[in-house]
Amino acid sequence: MVSRAERGPVADWFWTIDRLFVVLFVLLMGIGFMLSFAASPAVAERLGLDSFHFVKRHAAFMLPALGVMIGLSFLSPRQIRRTAMLILVVSLGMMLLALFFGIEVKGARRWITIAGLSIQPSEFMKPAFVVVCAWLFAEHSRQPEIPGNFFAMILFGIVAVLLIAQPDFGQTILTSVVWGGMFFMAGVPWFWISVLAGLGAAGLVGAYYTLPHVSGRIDRFLTGEGDTFQTDTARDAIVRGDWFGAGPGEGVVKRIIPDSHTDFIFSVAAEEFGIIFCMVLVAIFAFLVLRGLNHAFKERNDFNRFAVAGLVLQIGVQSMINIGVNLELLPAKGMTLPLISYGGSSMIAVCVTAGFILALTRRRPEKRAQERSLFRTIHHGVPAE
């Protein structure tokens, strides 16, 4: 146990970090590792691999991902901004390269191979994009003459074009929702809200009429006709699990669910551990998001407030999309469940997000002084210093 009397980087980190956040992130990683035993062996066997191939790889990614999360949590807000800028520039460059030299999977070019490892640059782009946009919004809020909002719009346009070019419509929607939420927090005028809402609606209609895979998924979702094998088997797995599940290792429907270890791991969890377990899992994600928003609400620094809110919103919206697809509440879309689904790029990228959140919510001396000043202003009428 680290004593309060100790001084040093580790002791300071331990007493200033939001330890409940750490517990939640590690708990989700542990649940993901447990579910990999249930979901991945059938997929590995279909591919002619060792039954525990994906389990071993999942475990291999956990240690560096945890190291990334803890390492980033030691950084100051200024270091977080610089790190995010570097990650954003590199990931955007890699996304551009992936369009020409990337691995094509199911008609999409989202992955690039480096030193024998397949990397999905867009996963790392997401948390960095949120932090950089938070900085741009905060700068405009602090000094209106700085065109931070305009630069944030340009950056969003670049990201959206690269995502659509892959194509990755789901990530485009996720990024748009998170960016829009941050822009709204930054005090965007109603004129721009109307313009952006109109552009978003036009984009959805345009995607439906110009992208066959988008229109196909929406039509299957609305009519129930066509190839709905994935969502149908996911629903059957959830129904079979009932309230308390069939038991660990007793899942049957999971063996025929495509991508059961990634996009449909929630259905596997429902079949083997039951609906109540899934409700607890949803509650963990909801509590994580609400705790992050509570931190953002109390934060007086604009950059910290926008960044923390955007990062937890990103985790929350991505979880909602994944779970919504599993429950047939949304059209089928390949998107992982954060820290639960198999995927090295996804796990490490979410841990980058977690590390940013932990760093920006630490209780630093200047932050505590601001909180005490705000408390005096609200409760005693004493002007803030």
Protein backbone atom coordinates (compact mmCIF):
# COMPACT_ATOMS: atom_id res chain seq x y z
CA MET A 1 0.00 0.00 0.00
CA VAL A 2 1.28 3.48 -0.86
CA SER A 3 1.40 5.86 2.12
CA ARG A 4 0.08 9.42 1.86
CA ALA A 5 3.32 10.60 3.46
CA GLU A 6 5.40 9.25 0.58
CA ARG A 7 6.50 11.58 -2.19
CA GLY A 8 7.34 10.51 -5.71
CA PRO A 9 5.72 9.95 -9.10
CA VAL A 10 4.05 6.65 -8.14
CA ALA A 11 2.78 7.89 -4.76
CA ASP A 12 1.50 11.14 -6.30
CA TRP A 13 -0.17 9.14 -9.06
CA PHE A 14 -1.84 6.75 -6.62
CA TRP A 15 -3.36 9.49 -4.45
CA THR A 16 -4.44 11.76 -7.32
CA ILE A 17 -5.83 9.22 -9.79
CA ASP A 18 -9.53 8.33 -9.92
CA ARG A 19 -9.06 4.79 -8.61
CA LEU A 20 -12.66 3.82 -9.35
CA PHE A 21 -12.03 4.59 -13.02
CA VAL A 22 -8.98 2.31 -12.92
CA VAL A 23 -11.08 -0.47 -11.35
CA LEU A 24 -13.80 -0.09 -14.00
CA PHE A 25 -11.35 -0.23 -16.92
CA VAL A 26 -9.47 -3.23 -15.51
CA LEU A 27 -12.79 -4.96 -14.70
CA LEU A 28 -13.98 -4.56 -18.30
CA MET A 29 -10.66 -5.95 -19.58
CA GLY A 30 -11.04 -8.94 -17.24
CA ILE A 31 -14.60 -9.58 -18.43
CA GLY A 32 -13.40 -9.36 -22.03
CA PHE A 33 -10.67 -11.94 -21.38
CA MET A 34 -13.19 -14.26 -19.70
CA LEU A 35 -15.62 -13.94 -22.62
CA SER A 36 -12.83 -14.67 -25.13
CA PHE A 37 -12.78 -18.22 -23.73
CA ALA A 38 -16.49 -18.52 -24.52
CA ALA A 39 -16.61 -16.76 -27.88
CA SER A 40 -13.36 -17.38 -29.77
CA PRO A 41 -12.66 -21.17 -29.83
CA ALA A 42 -15.48 -21.89 -32.32
CA VAL A 43 -14.21 -19.14 -34.63
CA ALA A 44 -10.63 -20.44 -34.40
CA GLU A 45 -11.75 -23.98 -35.22
CA ARG A 46 -13.69 -22.79 -38.28
CA LEU A 47 -10.51 -21.11 -39.50
CA GLY A 48 -8.44 -24.24 -38.88
CA LEU A 49 -6.48 -22.68 -36.01
CA ASP A 50 -5.72 -23.86 -32.50
CA SER A 51 -8.87 -23.62 -30.34
CA PHE A 52 -7.30 -21.05 -28.03
CA HIS A 53 -5.52 -19.07 -30.76
CA PHE A 54 -7.56 -15.90 -30.18
CA VAL A 55 -7.55 -16.36 -26.41
CA LYS A 56 -3.74 -16.38 -26.41
CA ARG A 57 -3.57 -13.35 -28.67
CA HIS A 58 -6.16 -11.56 -26.52
CA ALA A 59 -3.99 -12.20 -23.46
CA ALA A 60 -0.88 -11.05 -25.34
CA PHE A 61 -2.51 -7.71 -26.16
CA MET A 62 -3.79 -7.12 -22.61
CA LEU A 63 -0.40 -6.47 -21.01
CA PRO A 64 0.82 -3.77 -23.45
CA ALA A 65 -2.68 -2.24 -23.47
CA LEU A 66 -2.66 -2.00 -19.68
CA GLY A 67 0.85 -0.52 -19.82
CA VAL A 68 -0.31 2.12 -22.32
CA MET A 69 -3.26 3.06 -20.11
CA ILE A 70 -1.19 3.41 -16.93
CA GLY A 71 1.69 5.14 -18.73
CA LEU A 72 -0.54 7.80 -20.28
CA SER A 73 -2.28 8.43 -16.96
CA PHE A 74 0.99 9.89 -15.59
CA LEU A 75 0.98 12.70 -18.19
CA SER A 76 -0.05 16.30 -17.59
CA PRO A 77 -2.81 17.93 -19.69
CA ARG A 78 -0.19 19.70 -21.80
CA GLN A 79 1.60 16.39 -22.45
CA ILE A 80 -1.74 14.78 -23.29
CA ARG A 81 -2.36 17.45 -25.95
CA ARG A 82 1.07 16.92 -27.49
CA THR A 83 0.73 13.14 -27.42
CA ALA A 84 -2.73 13.32 -29.00
CA MET A 85 -1.46 15.62 -31.74
CA LEU A 86 1.36 13.19 -32.57
CA ILE A 87 -0.99 10.19 -32.58
CA LEU A 88 -3.49 12.06 -34.76
CA VAL A 89 -0.93 13.06 -37.40
CA VAL A 90 0.53 9.53 -37.57
CA SER A 91 -2.87 7.80 -37.64
CA LEU A 92 -4.25 10.11 -40.36
CA GLY A 93 -1.15 9.44 -42.44
CA MET A 94 -1.58 5.69 -41.95
CA MET A 95 -5.29 5.90 -42.85
CA LEU A 96 -4.31 7.58 -46.11
CA LEU A 97 -1.68 4.91 -46.82
CA ALA A 98 -4.19 2.15 -46.03
CA LEU A 99 -6.40 3.36 -48.90
CA PHE A 100 -3.62 2.52 -51.38
CA PHE A 101 -1.49 -0.13 -49.69
CA GLY A 102 -3.75 -1.53 -46.98
CA ILE A 103 -5.21 -5.00 -46.57
CA GLU A 104 -8.61 -5.37 -48.23
CA VAL A 105 -11.13 -7.24 -46.07
CA LYS A 106 -14.75 -7.58 -47.24
CA GLY A 107 -14.28 -4.71 -49.68
CA ALA A 108 -12.85 -2.29 -47.09
CA ARG A 109 -9.29 -1.02 -46.71
CA ARG A 110 -8.97 -0.19 -43.02
CA TRP A 111 -5.87 -2.13 -42.01
CA ILE A 112 -2.19 -1.69 -42.72
CA THR A 113 0.57 -4.19 -41.95
CA ILE A 114 3.65 -3.03 -40.03
CA ALA A 115 6.32 -5.49 -38.88
CA GLY A 116 3.91 -8.37 -39.41
CA LEU A 117 1.14 -6.78 -37.32
CA SER A 118 -2.19 -5.67 -38.76
CA ILE A 119 -3.07 -2.21 -37.43
CA GLN A 120 -6.34 -0.32 -37.86
CA PRO A 121 -5.22 3.34 -37.77
CA SER A 122 -8.75 4.71 -37.39
CA GLU A 123 -9.00 3.15 -33.92
CA PHE A 124 -6.06 5.25 -32.72
CA MET A 125 -7.31 8.30 -34.57
CA LYS A 126 -10.53 8.45 -32.51
CA PRO A 127 -9.20 9.37 -29.02
CA ALA A 128 -6.54 11.66 -30.48
CA PHE A 129 -9.16 13.41 -32.63
CA VAL A 130 -11.33 14.03 -29.55
CA VAL A 131 -8.46 15.55 -27.55
CA VAL A 132 -7.24 17.79 -30.39
CA CYS A 133 -10.79 19.03 -31.11
CA ALA A 134 -11.28 19.68 -27.38
CA TRP A 135 -8.15 21.84 -27.45
CA LEU A 136 -9.39 23.75 -30.53
CA PHE A 137 -12.82 24.34 -28.97
CA ALA A 138 -11.21 25.43 -25.70
CA GLU A 139 -8.88 27.88 -27.44
CA HIS A 140 -11.80 29.47 -29.28
CA SER A 141 -13.74 29.70 -26.02
CA ARG A 142 -10.78 31.35 -24.28
CA GLN A 143 -9.90 33.68 -27.15
CA PRO A 144 -12.78 34.10 -29.65
CA GLU A 145 -10.44 35.70 -32.18
CA ILE A 146 -8.71 32.31 -32.57
CA PRO A 147 -10.65 30.33 -35.23
CA GLY A 148 -10.56 27.12 -33.18
CA ASN A 149 -14.10 26.08 -34.10
CA PHE A 150 -13.35 26.58 -37.80
CA PHE A 151 -10.18 24.47 -37.57
CA ALA A 152 -12.14 21.79 -35.71
CA MET A 153 -14.66 21.72 -38.59
CA ILE A 154 -11.86 21.34 -41.13
CA LEU A 155 -10.29 18.53 -39.09
CA PHE A 156 -13.65 16.78 -38.81
CA GLY A 157 -14.11 17.04 -42.58
CA ILE A 158 -10.70 15.45 -43.20
CA VAL A 159 -11.45 12.59 -40.80
CA ALA A 160 -14.92 12.00 -42.25
CA VAL A 161 -13.61 11.87 -45.83
CA LEU A 162 -10.91 9.34 -44.91
CA LEU A 163 -13.40 7.15 -43.02
CA ILE A 164 -15.94 7.18 -45.85
CA ALA A 165 -13.20 6.40 -48.38
CA GLN A 166 -12.27 3.17 -46.54
CA PRO A 167 -15.36 2.79 -46.35
CA ASP A 168 -16.31 2.73 -42.65
CA PHE A 169 -19.73 4.29 -42.26
CA GLY A 170 -20.15 3.15 -38.64
CA GLN A 171 -16.98 4.87 -37.46
CA THR A 172 -18.05 7.95 -39.42
CA ILE A 173 -21.34 8.08 -37.49
CA LEU A 174 -19.56 7.47 -34.17
CA THR A 175 -17.03 10.23 -34.82
CA SER A 176 -19.78 12.61 -36.00
CA VAL A 177 -21.91 12.06 -32.90
CA VAL A 178 -18.98 12.58 -30.52
CA TRP A 179 -17.72 15.64 -32.39
CA GLY A 180 -21.23 17.09 -32.50
CA GLY A 181 -21.65 16.56 -28.77
CA MET A 182 -18.40 18.38 -28.03
CA PHE A 183 -19.30 21.21 -30.42
CA PHE A 184 -22.64 21.59 -28.63
CA MET A 185 -20.84 21.76 -25.26
CA ALA A 186 -18.55 24.44 -26.67
CA GLY A 187 -21.58 26.70 -27.17
CA VAL A 188 -22.14 26.40 -30.91
CA PRO A 189 -24.74 28.90 -32.20
CA TRP A 190 -28.13 27.52 -33.24
CA PHE A 191 -27.38 28.49 -36.83
CA TRP A 192 -24.51 26.04 -36.96
CA ILE A 193 -26.58 23.37 -35.20
CA SER A 194 -29.18 23.68 -37.97
CA VAL A 195 -26.54 23.63 -40.71
CA LEU A 196 -24.72 20.62 -39.27
CA ALA A 197 -27.98 18.74 -38.66
CA GLY A 198 -28.97 19.36 -42.27
CA LEU A 199 -25.58 18.20 -43.55
CA GLY A 200 -25.80 15.09 -41.37
CA ALA A 201 -29.25 14.22 -42.69
CA ALA A 202 -28.10 14.85 -46.26
CA GLY A 203 -25.08 12.63 -45.66
CA LEU A 204 -27.27 9.77 -44.41
CA VAL A 205 -29.59 10.05 -47.40
CA GLY A 206 -26.63 10.29 -49.77
CA ALA A 207 -24.98 7.24 -48.24
CA TYR A 208 -28.20 5.26 -48.59
CA TYR A 209 -28.50 6.02 -52.30
CA THR A 210 -24.81 5.85 -53.26
CA LEU A 211 -23.32 3.09 -51.06
CA PRO A 212 -24.85 -0.34 -51.77
CA HIS A 213 -23.60 -1.93 -48.53
CA VAL A 214 -25.23 0.86 -46.50
CA SER A 215 -28.58 0.65 -48.29
CA GLY A 216 -28.48 -3.16 -48.08
CA ARG A 217 -28.01 -3.16 -44.31
CA ILE A 218 -30.70 -0.54 -43.75
CA ASP A 219 -33.17 -2.39 -45.99
CA ARG A 220 -32.50 -5.69 -44.21
CA PHE A 221 -32.99 -3.97 -40.87
CA LEU A 222 -36.28 -2.35 -41.88
CA THR A 223 -37.81 -5.24 -43.84
CA GLY A 224 -36.19 -8.32 -42.29
CA GLU A 225 -35.62 -9.66 -45.80
CA GLY A 226 -32.36 -10.83 -47.30
CA ASP A 227 -29.28 -12.19 -45.54
CA THR A 228 -30.00 -11.59 -41.85
CA PHE A 229 -28.13 -14.66 -40.60
CA GLN A 230 -25.82 -12.73 -38.27
CA THR A 231 -28.52 -10.80 -36.45
CA ASP A 232 -30.90 -13.75 -36.41
CA THR A 233 -28.38 -16.09 -34.77
CA ALA A 234 -27.36 -13.33 -32.33
CA ARG A 235 -31.01 -12.96 -31.33
CA ASP A 236 -31.38 -16.75 -30.96
CA ALA A 237 -28.34 -16.83 -28.66
CA ILE A 238 -29.80 -14.10 -26.45
CA VAL A 239 -33.18 -15.84 -26.29
CA ARG A 240 -31.58 -19.19 -25.42
CA GLY A 241 -29.60 -17.61 -22.60
CA ASP A 242 -32.76 -16.37 -20.87
CA TRP A 243 -32.20 -14.59 -17.51
CA PHE A 244 -29.38 -16.70 -16.06
CA GLY A 245 -27.67 -18.22 -19.11
CA ALA A 246 -26.92 -21.75 -20.22
CA GLY A 247 -23.71 -21.80 -18.19
CA PRO A 248 -20.00 -21.29 -19.02
CA GLY A 249 -19.04 -23.37 -22.03
CA GLU A 250 -22.63 -24.54 -22.60
CA GLY A 251 -23.44 -22.18 -25.45
CA VAL A 252 -24.63 -23.84 -28.65
CA VAL A 253 -25.85 -21.02 -30.90
CA LYS A 254 -22.56 -19.15 -30.38
CA ARG A 255 -20.78 -21.78 -32.49
CA ILE A 256 -22.45 -20.57 -35.67
CA ILE A 257 -22.45 -16.80 -35.04
CA PRO A 258 -20.03 -15.10 -37.47
CA ASP A 259 -17.58 -12.78 -35.70
CA SER A 260 -18.79 -14.02 -32.32
CA HIS A 261 -15.48 -12.99 -30.71
CA THR A 262 -15.68 -9.39 -31.98
CA ASP A 263 -18.92 -7.77 -33.15
CA PHE A 264 -21.32 -10.26 -31.51
CA ILE A 265 -19.57 -11.08 -28.25
CA PHE A 266 -22.48 -9.50 -26.35
CA SER A 267 -24.79 -12.23 -27.70
CA VAL A 268 -22.35 -14.91 -26.58
CA ALA A 269 -22.32 -13.36 -23.11
CA ALA A 270 -26.12 -13.43 -23.07
CA GLU A 271 -26.31 -17.09 -24.10
CA GLU A 272 -23.80 -18.38 -21.56
CA PHE A 273 -24.22 -15.95 -18.64
CA GLY A 274 -27.73 -14.63 -19.11
CA ILE A 275 -29.56 -11.37 -19.56
CA ILE A 276 -28.92 -10.29 -15.95
CA PHE A 277 -25.15 -10.51 -16.56
CA CYS A 278 -25.59 -8.39 -19.71
CA MET A 279 -27.59 -5.84 -17.74
CA VAL A 280 -24.72 -5.60 -15.24
CA LEU A 281 -22.30 -5.12 -18.15
CA VAL A 282 -24.46 -2.32 -19.57
CA ALA A 283 -24.63 -0.76 -16.10
CA ILE A 284 -20.81 -0.73 -15.87
CA PHE A 285 -20.55 1.16 -19.16
CA ALA A 286 -23.33 3.55 -18.13
CA PHE A 287 -21.69 4.25 -14.76
CA LEU A 288 -18.33 4.85 -16.46
CA VAL A 289 -19.89 7.39 -18.83
CA LEU A 290 -21.89 9.15 -16.09
CA ARG A 291 -18.84 9.36 -13.82
CA GLY A 292 -16.85 10.90 -16.66
CA LEU A 293 -19.58 13.43 -17.40
CA ASN A 294 -19.74 14.28 -13.69
CA HIS A 295 -16.00 14.98 -13.75
CA ALA A 296 -16.49 17.15 -16.84
CA PHE A 297 -19.35 19.06 -15.18
CA LYS A 298 -17.15 19.96 -12.20
CA GLU A 299 -14.13 20.87 -14.33
CA ARG A 300 -13.44 24.60 -14.78
CA ASN A 301 -10.74 24.17 -17.42
CA ASP A 302 -12.45 24.17 -20.83
CA PHE A 303 -9.96 21.80 -22.44
CA ASN A 304 -10.25 19.20 -19.67
CA ARG A 305 -14.04 19.50 -19.66
CA PHE A 306 -14.47 19.06 -23.42
CA ALA A 307 -11.86 16.28 -23.64
CA VAL A 308 -13.17 14.17 -20.75
CA ALA A 309 -16.78 14.51 -21.93
CA GLY A 310 -15.83 13.63 -25.51
CA LEU A 311 -13.72 10.61 -24.51
CA VAL A 312 -16.35 9.02 -22.27
CA LEU A 313 -19.03 9.84 -24.85
CA GLN A 314 -16.97 7.99 -27.44
CA ILE A 315 -16.84 4.87 -25.26
CA GLY A 316 -20.55 5.14 -24.47
CA VAL A 317 -21.75 5.65 -28.05
CA GLN A 318 -19.54 2.85 -29.38
CA SER A 319 -20.94 0.51 -26.70
CA MET A 320 -24.49 1.54 -27.59
CA ILE A 321 -23.91 0.83 -31.29
CA ASN A 322 -22.42 -2.62 -30.61
CA ILE A 323 -25.14 -3.63 -28.14
CA GLY A 324 -27.89 -2.11 -30.31
CA VAL A 325 -26.80 -4.25 -33.26
CA ASN A 326 -26.78 -7.38 -31.09
CA LEU A 327 -30.31 -6.58 -29.88
CA GLU A 328 -31.52 -5.80 -33.44
CA LEU A 329 -32.22 -2.21 -32.44
CA LEU A 330 -29.78 -0.90 -35.07
CA PRO A 331 -28.73 -2.06 -38.56
CA ALA A 332 -25.86 -4.55 -38.59
CA LYS A 333 -22.51 -2.79 -38.30
CA GLY A 334 -19.11 -4.20 -37.51
CA MET A 335 -18.05 -2.38 -34.35
CA THR A 336 -16.30 -3.80 -31.31
CA LEU A 337 -17.50 -3.59 -27.72
CA PRO A 338 -14.80 -1.50 -25.94
CA LEU A 339 -12.33 -3.59 -23.88
CA ILE A 340 -14.57 -6.66 -24.33
CA SER A 341 -14.28 -7.71 -27.98
CA TYR A 342 -11.17 -9.34 -29.42
CA GLY A 343 -8.90 -7.05 -31.40
CA GLY A 344 -5.42 -5.72 -30.69
CA SER A 345 -5.88 -2.31 -32.31
CA SER A 346 -9.25 -1.83 -30.63
CA MET A 347 -8.04 -2.84 -27.16
CA ILE A 348 -4.89 -0.71 -27.21
CA ALA A 349 -6.76 2.25 -28.71
CA VAL A 350 -9.46 2.09 -26.03
CA CYS A 351 -6.70 1.93 -23.42
CA VAL A 352 -5.26 5.10 -24.99
CA THR A 353 -8.71 6.63 -24.44
CA ALA A 354 -8.75 5.32 -20.85
CA GLY A 355 -5.25 6.68 -20.20
CA PHE A 356 -6.29 10.12 -21.46
CA ILE A 357 -9.37 10.05 -19.20
CA LEU A 358 -7.33 9.03 -16.15
CA ALA A 359 -4.73 11.74 -16.80
CA LEU A 360 -7.29 14.50 -17.30
CA THR A 361 -9.36 13.61 -14.22
CA ARG A 362 -6.44 13.45 -11.77
CA ARG A 363 -6.68 15.76 -8.75
CA ARG A 364 -3.81 18.16 -9.23
CA PRO A 365 -2.98 20.99 -6.76
CA GLU A 366 -4.15 23.75 -9.10
CA LYS A 367 -7.33 21.78 -9.79
CA ARG A 368 -8.11 21.41 -6.08
CA ALA A 369 -7.55 25.15 -5.58
CA GLN A 370 -10.05 25.89 -8.36
CA GLU A 371 -12.60 23.52 -6.80
CA ARG A 372 -12.24 25.16 -3.35
CA SER A 373 -12.61 28.61 -4.94
CA LEU A 374 -15.75 27.49 -6.79
CA PHE A 375 -17.15 25.97 -3.57
CA ARG A 376 -16.67 29.26 -1.69
CA THR A 377 -18.32 31.19 -4.51
CA ILE A 378 -21.39 28.93 -4.65
CA HIS A 379 -21.94 28.36 -0.92
CA HIS A 380 -20.62 31.48 0.76
CA GLY A 381 -20.86 34.17 -1.87
CA VAL A 382 -17.10 34.78 -1.76
CA PRO A 383 -15.82 35.83 -5.20
CA ALA A 384 -13.52 33.32 -6.89
CA GLU A 385 -9.90 34.37 -6.99
